[in-house]
Amino acid sequence: MASSGHVSDTERTPSEALIERISVGQLEANCYLVTCPLERATLIVDPGAEAERILARVRALGTRVTGIAHTHGHFDHISATEAVLAGLPERVPVWAHPADLYLYERPARAIGAPYGYAPPAELSLPDEQLMDGGALGVGRLRLEVIATPGHTPGSVCLHLPGRWLLSGDTLFRRGIGRTDLPGGEEDAIYESILTRLYPLPDELAVYPGHGDETTIGEERHENPFVQAADG
């Protein structure tokens, strides 16, 4: 079973936020719990597998889940959504970019079955849209939505200014998301990283969809796949 790790900063500020990573499923995608302690509200980002582990951690936090967000629609990031929804005391909205809706259809979901991500009998579609320039509220926190197409047409990053970026499968530590799957576009992911992510502050923490955290500055200078013009 994959381990969970804390990547949280408990400094008490008006923009206070806790973030916790739980690596789930055979493909070890990172599910994140973003929590506003002031309002005891939690957003679940990318529940790809192991719904009971995710729900158990939320119960341990003693917070109220206010929504589920997907950085993109690949099965290893969304497959536990239905089970997590079923385990919550009340229905919460599911947020995603509309350009990825094709990935929520049964043929796309079924691709994950050989890897242990069998789709449920009843599929849940997103009911709220993550649009570029919009914001997603978690208690008193406001996460900025940055559209970063390339890995999928509807890939997005969630940005808490001055603190961190959830980069999904767009940007990894010393890597980028693959673009050889249906809907992927190599030129688009380069453009997204160079023009949407690398202009962010060097010290900004980056929490990716797989693997360990990094910073914008590290990737601008060290990522072998996409280098900023100034190197």
C-alpha atoms as a PDB file:
ATOM      1  CA  MET A   1       0.000   0.000   0.000  1.00  0.00           C
ATOM      2  CA  ALA A   2       1.330   3.412  -0.897  1.00  0.00           C
ATOM      3  CA  SER A   3       2.266   5.672   1.970  1.00  0.00           C
ATOM      4  CA  SER A   4       0.784   9.073   2.756  1.00  0.00           C
ATOM      5  CA  GLY A   5       2.890  12.087   3.478  1.00  0.00           C
ATOM      6  CA  HIS A   6       2.364  15.515   4.970  1.00  0.00           C
ATOM      7  CA  VAL A   7       3.374  18.449   2.836  1.00  0.00           C
ATOM      8  CA  SER A   8       1.700  21.012   5.023  1.00  0.00           C
ATOM      9  CA  ASP A   9       2.665  24.389   6.399  1.00  0.00           C
ATOM     10  CA  THR A  10       0.924  25.111   9.683  1.00  0.00           C
ATOM     11  CA  GLU A  11       1.876  28.767   9.922  1.00  0.00           C
ATOM     12  CA  ARG A  12      -1.116  30.745  11.152  1.00  0.00           C
ATOM     13  CA  THR A  13      -1.838  33.516   8.628  1.00  0.00           C
ATOM     14  CA  PRO A  14      -4.994  34.925   7.021  1.00  0.00           C
ATOM     15  CA  SER A  15      -4.291  32.730   3.987  1.00  0.00           C
ATOM     16  CA  GLU A  16      -3.709  29.711   6.195  1.00  0.00           C
ATOM     17  CA  ALA A  17      -3.913  26.389   4.416  1.00  0.00           C
ATOM     18  CA  LEU A  18      -2.980  22.822   5.157  1.00  0.00           C
ATOM     19  CA  ILE A  19      -2.176  20.437   2.332  1.00  0.00           C
ATOM     20  CA  GLU A  20      -1.671  16.703   2.646  1.00  0.00           C
ATOM     21  CA  ARG A  21      -0.652  14.211  -0.023  1.00  0.00           C
ATOM     22  CA  ILE A  22      -1.936  10.643  -0.188  1.00  0.00           C
ATOM     23  CA  SER A  23      -0.387   8.503  -2.928  1.00  0.00           C
ATOM     24  CA  VAL A  24      -3.067   6.088  -4.139  1.00  0.00           C
ATOM     25  CA  GLY A  25      -3.591   3.246  -6.580  1.00  0.00           C
ATOM     26  CA  GLN A  26      -1.320   1.094  -8.690  1.00  0.00           C
ATOM     27  CA  LEU A  27      -0.132   4.142 -10.648  1.00  0.00           C
ATOM     28  CA  GLU A  28       0.588   6.050  -7.418  1.00  0.00           C
ATOM     29  CA  ALA A  29      -1.259   9.227  -8.290  1.00  0.00           C
ATOM     30  CA  ASN A  30      -1.207  11.929  -5.652  1.00  0.00           C
ATOM     31  CA  CYS A  31      -4.530  12.766  -4.045  1.00  0.00           C
ATOM     32  CA  TYR A  32      -4.398  16.011  -2.063  1.00  0.00           C
ATOM     33  CA  LEU A  33      -6.482  17.210   0.847  1.00  0.00           C
ATOM     34  CA  VAL A  34      -6.553  21.004   0.924  1.00  0.00           C
ATOM     35  CA  THR A  35      -7.874  22.261   4.240  1.00  0.00           C
ATOM     36  CA  CYS A  36      -8.827  25.645   5.631  1.00  0.00           C
ATOM     37  CA  PRO A  37      -8.481  25.099   9.405  1.00  0.00           C
ATOM     38  CA  LEU A  38     -10.245  28.372  10.195  1.00  0.00           C
ATOM     39  CA  GLU A  39     -13.448  27.045   8.628  1.00  0.00           C
ATOM     40  CA  ARG A  40     -12.618  23.322   9.062  1.00  0.00           C
ATOM     41  CA  ALA A  41     -13.315  22.831   5.363  1.00  0.00           C
ATOM     42  CA  THR A  42     -11.495  20.383   3.067  1.00  0.00           C
ATOM     43  CA  LEU A  43     -11.281  20.068  -0.706  1.00  0.00           C
ATOM     44  CA  ILE A  44     -10.341  16.640  -2.084  1.00  0.00           C
ATOM     45  CA  VAL A  45      -8.220  16.930  -5.217  1.00  0.00           C
ATOM     46  CA  ASP A  46      -7.796  13.956  -7.575  1.00  0.00           C
ATOM     47  CA  PRO A  47      -9.255  11.002  -5.660  1.00  0.00           C
ATOM     48  CA  GLY A  48      -7.925   8.349  -8.007  1.00  0.00           C
ATOM     49  CA  ALA A  49      -8.188   5.201  -5.876  1.00  0.00           C
ATOM     50  CA  GLU A  50      -8.420   3.852  -2.317  1.00  0.00           C
ATOM     51  CA  ALA A  51     -11.510   5.815  -1.350  1.00  0.00           C
ATOM     52  CA  GLU A  52     -11.554   4.401   2.180  1.00  0.00           C
ATOM     53  CA  ARG A  53      -8.048   5.684   2.886  1.00  0.00           C
ATOM     54  CA  ILE A  54      -9.050   9.131   1.684  1.00  0.00           C
ATOM     55  CA  LEU A  55     -12.263   9.145   3.699  1.00  0.00           C
ATOM     56  CA  ALA A  56     -10.479   7.840   6.802  1.00  0.00           C
ATOM     57  CA  ARG A  57      -7.992  10.679   6.632  1.00  0.00           C
ATOM     58  CA  VAL A  58     -10.771  13.244   6.254  1.00  0.00           C
ATOM     59  CA  ARG A  59     -12.492  11.777   9.305  1.00  0.00           C
ATOM     60  CA  ALA A  60      -9.232  11.963  11.230  1.00  0.00           C
ATOM     61  CA  LEU A  61      -8.897  15.631  10.321  1.00  0.00           C
ATOM     62  CA  GLY A  62     -12.396  16.246  11.663  1.00  0.00           C
ATOM     63  CA  THR A  63     -13.250  18.574   8.795  1.00  0.00           C
ATOM     64  CA  ARG A  64     -16.157  18.917   6.394  1.00  0.00           C
ATOM     65  CA  VAL A  65     -15.570  18.120   2.733  1.00  0.00           C
ATOM     66  CA  THR A  66     -16.873  20.993   0.611  1.00  0.00           C
ATOM     67  CA  GLY A  67     -15.974  19.679  -2.827  1.00  0.00           C
ATOM     68  CA  ILE A  68     -13.939  17.407  -5.075  1.00  0.00           C
ATOM     69  CA  ALA A  69     -11.719  18.827  -7.808  1.00  0.00           C
ATOM     70  CA  HIS A  70      -9.959  17.077 -10.678  1.00  0.00           C
ATOM     71  CA  THR A  71      -6.822  18.525 -12.245  1.00  0.00           C
ATOM     72  CA  HIS A  72      -7.666  16.420 -15.311  1.00  0.00           C
ATOM     73  CA  GLY A  73      -9.840  13.482 -16.237  1.00  0.00           C
ATOM     74  CA  HIS A  74      -7.505  10.506 -16.518  1.00  0.00           C
ATOM     75  CA  PHE A  75      -8.764   7.424 -14.677  1.00  0.00           C
ATOM     76  CA  ASP A  76      -5.904   7.319 -12.162  1.00  0.00           C
ATOM     77  CA  HIS A  77      -6.996  10.746 -10.883  1.00  0.00           C
ATOM     78  CA  ILE A  78     -10.788  10.346 -10.831  1.00  0.00           C
ATOM     79  CA  SER A  79     -11.643   6.673 -10.289  1.00  0.00           C
ATOM     80  CA  ALA A  80     -12.435   6.887  -6.562  1.00  0.00           C
ATOM     81  CA  THR A  81     -14.758   9.868  -7.013  1.00  0.00           C
ATOM     82  CA  GLU A  82     -17.974   7.868  -6.900  1.00  0.00           C
ATOM     83  CA  ALA A  83     -16.918   5.898  -3.807  1.00  0.00           C
ATOM     84  CA  VAL A  84     -15.765   9.049  -2.005  1.00  0.00           C
ATOM     85  CA  LEU A  85     -19.066  10.770  -2.789  1.00  0.00           C
ATOM     86  CA  ALA A  86     -20.955   7.753  -1.456  1.00  0.00           C
ATOM     87  CA  GLY A  87     -18.971   7.901   1.785  1.00  0.00           C
ATOM     88  CA  LEU A  88     -19.680  11.556   2.526  1.00  0.00           C
ATOM     89  CA  PRO A  89     -22.623  12.632   4.704  1.00  0.00           C
ATOM     90  CA  GLU A  90     -23.885  15.000   2.004  1.00  0.00           C
ATOM     91  CA  ARG A  91     -23.468  15.502  -1.731  1.00  0.00           C
ATOM     92  CA  VAL A  92     -20.713  17.935  -2.661  1.00  0.00           C
ATOM     93  CA  PRO A  93     -19.897  19.459  -6.054  1.00  0.00           C
ATOM     94  CA  VAL A  94     -17.350  17.862  -8.362  1.00  0.00           C
ATOM     95  CA  TRP A  95     -15.207  20.377 -10.242  1.00  0.00           C
ATOM     96  CA  ALA A  96     -13.420  19.784 -13.561  1.00  0.00           C
ATOM     97  CA  HIS A  97     -12.633  21.535 -16.829  1.00  0.00           C
ATOM     98  CA  PRO A  98     -15.304  20.866 -19.480  1.00  0.00           C
ATOM     99  CA  ALA A  99     -12.702  20.063 -22.164  1.00  0.00           C
ATOM    100  CA  ASP A 100     -12.000  16.791 -20.343  1.00  0.00           C
ATOM    101  CA  LEU A 101     -15.581  15.549 -20.211  1.00  0.00           C
ATOM    102  CA  TYR A 102     -14.837  12.886 -22.836  1.00  0.00           C
ATOM    103  CA  LEU A 103     -12.588  11.207 -20.276  1.00  0.00           C
ATOM    104  CA  TYR A 104     -15.551  10.650 -17.955  1.00  0.00           C
ATOM    105  CA  GLU A 105     -17.373   8.468 -20.482  1.00  0.00           C
ATOM    106  CA  ARG A 106     -17.334   4.720 -19.922  1.00  0.00           C
ATOM    107  CA  PRO A 107     -14.889   3.783 -22.736  1.00  0.00           C
ATOM    108  CA  ALA A 108     -12.249   6.134 -21.322  1.00  0.00           C
ATOM    109  CA  ARG A 109     -12.887   4.981 -17.765  1.00  0.00           C
ATOM    110  CA  ALA A 110     -12.695   1.304 -18.805  1.00  0.00           C
ATOM    111  CA  ILE A 111      -9.095   1.742 -19.965  1.00  0.00           C
ATOM    112  CA  GLY A 112      -8.100   1.760 -16.292  1.00  0.00           C
ATOM    113  CA  ALA A 113      -9.646  -1.622 -15.462  1.00  0.00           C
ATOM    114  CA  PRO A 114      -6.499  -3.708 -16.174  1.00  0.00           C
ATOM    115  CA  TYR A 115      -4.619  -1.480 -13.722  1.00  0.00           C
ATOM    116  CA  GLY A 116      -7.126  -1.922 -10.908  1.00  0.00           C
ATOM    117  CA  TYR A 117      -9.339   1.088 -11.701  1.00  0.00           C
ATOM    118  CA  ALA A 118     -12.569  -0.645 -12.682  1.00  0.00           C
ATOM    119  CA  PRO A 119     -15.351   1.901 -13.280  1.00  0.00           C
ATOM    120  CA  PRO A 120     -18.456   1.647 -11.081  1.00  0.00           C
ATOM    121  CA  ALA A 121     -21.879   0.743 -12.415  1.00  0.00           C
ATOM    122  CA  GLU A 122     -23.048   4.351 -12.133  1.00  0.00           C
ATOM    123  CA  LEU A 123     -20.617   7.014 -13.275  1.00  0.00           C
ATOM    124  CA  SER A 124     -20.537  10.481 -11.749  1.00  0.00           C
ATOM    125  CA  LEU A 125     -19.979  13.440 -14.050  1.00  0.00           C
ATOM    126  CA  PRO A 126     -18.548  16.775 -12.897  1.00  0.00           C
ATOM    127  CA  ASP A 127     -21.253  19.283 -12.060  1.00  0.00           C
ATOM    128  CA  GLU A 128     -19.131  22.432 -11.717  1.00  0.00           C
ATOM    129  CA  GLN A 129     -16.633  23.894 -14.185  1.00  0.00           C
ATOM    130  CA  LEU A 130     -13.035  24.841 -13.494  1.00  0.00           C
ATOM    131  CA  MET A 131     -12.349  27.659 -15.950  1.00  0.00           C
ATOM    132  CA  ASP A 132      -9.147  29.572 -16.554  1.00  0.00           C
ATOM    133  CA  GLY A 133      -8.983  32.666 -14.384  1.00  0.00           C
ATOM    134  CA  GLY A 134     -11.707  31.439 -12.062  1.00  0.00           C
ATOM    135  CA  ALA A 135     -11.426  30.670  -8.369  1.00  0.00           C
ATOM    136  CA  LEU A 136     -12.372  27.713  -6.215  1.00  0.00           C
ATOM    137  CA  GLY A 137     -13.255  28.404  -2.601  1.00  0.00           C
ATOM    138  CA  VAL A 138     -12.271  26.201   0.324  1.00  0.00           C
ATOM    139  CA  GLY A 139     -13.458  27.910   3.474  1.00  0.00           C
ATOM    140  CA  ARG A 140     -11.617  31.240   3.439  1.00  0.00           C
ATOM    141  CA  LEU A 141      -9.092  30.058   0.854  1.00  0.00           C
ATOM    142  CA  ARG A 142      -9.375  31.023  -2.800  1.00  0.00           C
ATOM    143  CA  LEU A 143      -7.555  28.772  -5.237  1.00  0.00           C
ATOM    144  CA  GLU A 144      -6.878  30.326  -8.637  1.00  0.00           C
ATOM    145  CA  VAL A 145      -7.567  28.123 -11.661  1.00  0.00           C
ATOM    146  CA  ILE A 146      -4.841  28.103 -14.321  1.00  0.00           C
ATOM    147  CA  ALA A 147      -5.668  26.252 -17.533  1.00  0.00           C
ATOM    148  CA  THR A 148      -2.638  24.243 -18.721  1.00  0.00           C
ATOM    149  CA  PRO A 149      -3.712  22.147 -21.722  1.00  0.00           C
ATOM    150  CA  GLY A 150      -1.316  19.623 -23.175  1.00  0.00           C
ATOM    151  CA  HIS A 151      -1.422  16.482 -21.046  1.00  0.00           C
ATOM    152  CA  THR A 152      -5.158  16.605 -21.656  1.00  0.00           C
ATOM    153  CA  PRO A 153      -7.214  19.405 -23.252  1.00  0.00           C
ATOM    154  CA  GLY A 154      -8.771  20.256 -19.888  1.00  0.00           C
ATOM    155  CA  SER A 155      -5.747  20.031 -17.611  1.00  0.00           C
ATOM    156  CA  VAL A 156      -5.680  22.710 -14.923  1.00  0.00           C
ATOM    157  CA  CYS A 157      -3.458  23.750 -12.039  1.00  0.00           C
ATOM    158  CA  LEU A 158      -4.760  25.097  -8.740  1.00  0.00           C
ATOM    159  CA  HIS A 159      -2.767  27.998  -7.315  1.00  0.00           C
ATOM    160  CA  LEU A 160      -2.823  29.404  -3.819  1.00  0.00           C
ATOM    161  CA  PRO A 161      -0.910  32.663  -4.377  1.00  0.00           C
ATOM    162  CA  GLY A 162       2.235  32.993  -2.341  1.00  0.00           C
ATOM    163  CA  ARG A 163       2.051  29.427  -1.087  1.00  0.00           C
ATOM    164  CA  TRP A 164       1.830  26.591  -3.587  1.00  0.00           C
ATOM    165  CA  LEU A 165       0.626  25.155  -6.893  1.00  0.00           C
ATOM    166  CA  LEU A 166      -1.133  21.854  -7.497  1.00  0.00           C
ATOM    167  CA  SER A 167       0.230  21.058 -10.960  1.00  0.00           C
ATOM    168  CA  GLY A 168      -1.628  17.845 -11.772  1.00  0.00           C
ATOM    169  CA  ASP A 169       0.130  15.944 -14.548  1.00  0.00           C
ATOM    170  CA  THR A 170       1.347  19.087 -16.309  1.00  0.00           C
ATOM    171  CA  LEU A 171       4.599  19.623 -14.400  1.00  0.00           C
ATOM    172  CA  PHE A 172       6.531  17.103 -12.315  1.00  0.00           C
ATOM    173  CA  ARG A 173       9.807  17.247 -10.465  1.00  0.00           C
ATOM    174  CA  ARG A 174      12.230  17.097 -13.400  1.00  0.00           C
ATOM    175  CA  GLY A 175       9.481  15.913 -15.699  1.00  0.00           C
ATOM    176  CA  ILE A 176       6.291  16.759 -17.574  1.00  0.00           C
ATOM    177  CA  GLY A 177       3.080  14.910 -18.362  1.00  0.00           C
ATOM    178  CA  ARG A 178       2.980  12.532 -21.302  1.00  0.00           C
ATOM    179  CA  THR A 179       1.243  13.740 -24.446  1.00  0.00           C
ATOM    180  CA  ASP A 180       0.951  10.500 -26.433  1.00  0.00           C
ATOM    181  CA  LEU A 181      -2.517   9.621 -25.109  1.00  0.00           C
ATOM    182  CA  PRO A 182      -5.727  10.703 -26.894  1.00  0.00           C
ATOM    183  CA  GLY A 183      -6.184  14.447 -26.419  1.00  0.00           C
ATOM    184  CA  GLY A 184      -2.537  15.075 -25.571  1.00  0.00           C
ATOM    185  CA  GLU A 185      -0.596  17.758 -27.437  1.00  0.00           C
ATOM    186  CA  GLU A 186       3.160  18.202 -27.043  1.00  0.00           C
ATOM    187  CA  ASP A 187       3.373  21.809 -28.226  1.00  0.00           C
ATOM    188  CA  ALA A 188       0.498  22.776 -25.936  1.00  0.00           C
ATOM    189  CA  ILE A 189       2.088  21.403 -22.765  1.00  0.00           C
ATOM    190  CA  TYR A 190       5.353  23.231 -23.511  1.00  0.00           C
ATOM    191  CA  GLU A 191       3.397  26.429 -24.064  1.00  0.00           C
ATOM    192  CA  SER A 192       1.415  25.931 -20.865  1.00  0.00           C
ATOM    193  CA  ILE A 193       4.515  25.423 -18.749  1.00  0.00           C
ATOM    194  CA  LEU A 194       6.526  28.236 -20.299  1.00  0.00           C
ATOM    195  CA  THR A 195       3.790  30.859 -20.339  1.00  0.00           C
ATOM    196  CA  ARG A 196       1.489  29.909 -17.449  1.00  0.00           C
ATOM    197  CA  LEU A 197       3.703  28.244 -14.822  1.00  0.00           C
ATOM    198  CA  TYR A 198       7.304  29.397 -15.185  1.00  0.00           C
ATOM    199  CA  PRO A 199       6.370  33.083 -14.747  1.00  0.00           C
ATOM    200  CA  LEU A 200       5.200  32.242 -11.215  1.00  0.00           C
ATOM    201  CA  PRO A 201       7.603  33.008  -8.324  1.00  0.00           C
ATOM    202  CA  ASP A 202      10.699  30.812  -8.084  1.00  0.00           C
ATOM    203  CA  GLU A 203      10.009  29.922  -4.441  1.00  0.00           C
ATOM    204  CA  LEU A 204       6.464  28.712  -5.114  1.00  0.00           C
ATOM    205  CA  ALA A 205       6.059  25.093  -3.984  1.00  0.00           C
ATOM    206  CA  VAL A 206       4.785  22.708  -6.651  1.00  0.00           C
ATOM    207  CA  TYR A 207       2.812  19.613  -5.671  1.00  0.00           C
ATOM    208  CA  PRO A 208       2.450  17.364  -8.741  1.00  0.00           C
ATOM    209  CA  GLY A 209       0.051  14.593  -9.672  1.00  0.00           C
ATOM    210  CA  HIS A 210       2.769  11.957  -9.276  1.00  0.00           C
ATOM    211  CA  GLY A 211       6.004  11.957  -7.339  1.00  0.00           C
ATOM    212  CA  ASP A 212       7.610  14.421  -4.975  1.00  0.00           C
ATOM    213  CA  GLU A 213       7.207  18.144  -4.565  1.00  0.00           C
ATOM    214  CA  THR A 214       9.458  20.733  -6.162  1.00  0.00           C
ATOM    215  CA  THR A 215       9.473  24.486  -6.774  1.00  0.00           C
ATOM    216  CA  ILE A 216       8.907  26.646  -9.820  1.00  0.00           C
ATOM    217  CA  GLY A 217      12.506  27.889  -9.635  1.00  0.00           C
ATOM    218  CA  GLU A 218      13.946  24.382  -9.553  1.00  0.00           C
ATOM    219  CA  GLU A 219      11.984  23.367 -12.631  1.00  0.00           C
ATOM    220  CA  ARG A 220      12.726  26.560 -14.552  1.00  0.00           C
ATOM    221  CA  HIS A 221      16.436  25.827 -14.194  1.00  0.00           C
ATOM    222  CA  GLU A 222      16.663  22.041 -13.861  1.00  0.00           C
ATOM    223  CA  ASN A 223      13.761  20.448 -15.739  1.00  0.00           C
ATOM    224  CA  PRO A 224      15.343  18.706 -18.758  1.00  0.00           C
ATOM    225  CA  PHE A 225      12.139  18.744 -20.813  1.00  0.00           C
ATOM    226  CA  VAL A 226      11.158  22.410 -20.664  1.00  0.00           C
ATOM    227  CA  GLN A 227      13.740  25.129 -20.047  1.00  0.00           C
ATOM    228  CA  ALA A 228      12.903  28.809 -19.732  1.00  0.00           C
ATOM    229  CA  ALA A 229      14.556  31.073 -22.290  1.00  0.00           C
ATOM    230  CA  ASP A 230      16.934  32.509 -19.699  1.00  0.00           C
ATOM    231  CA  GLY A 231      17.976  28.993 -18.604  1.00  0.00           C
END
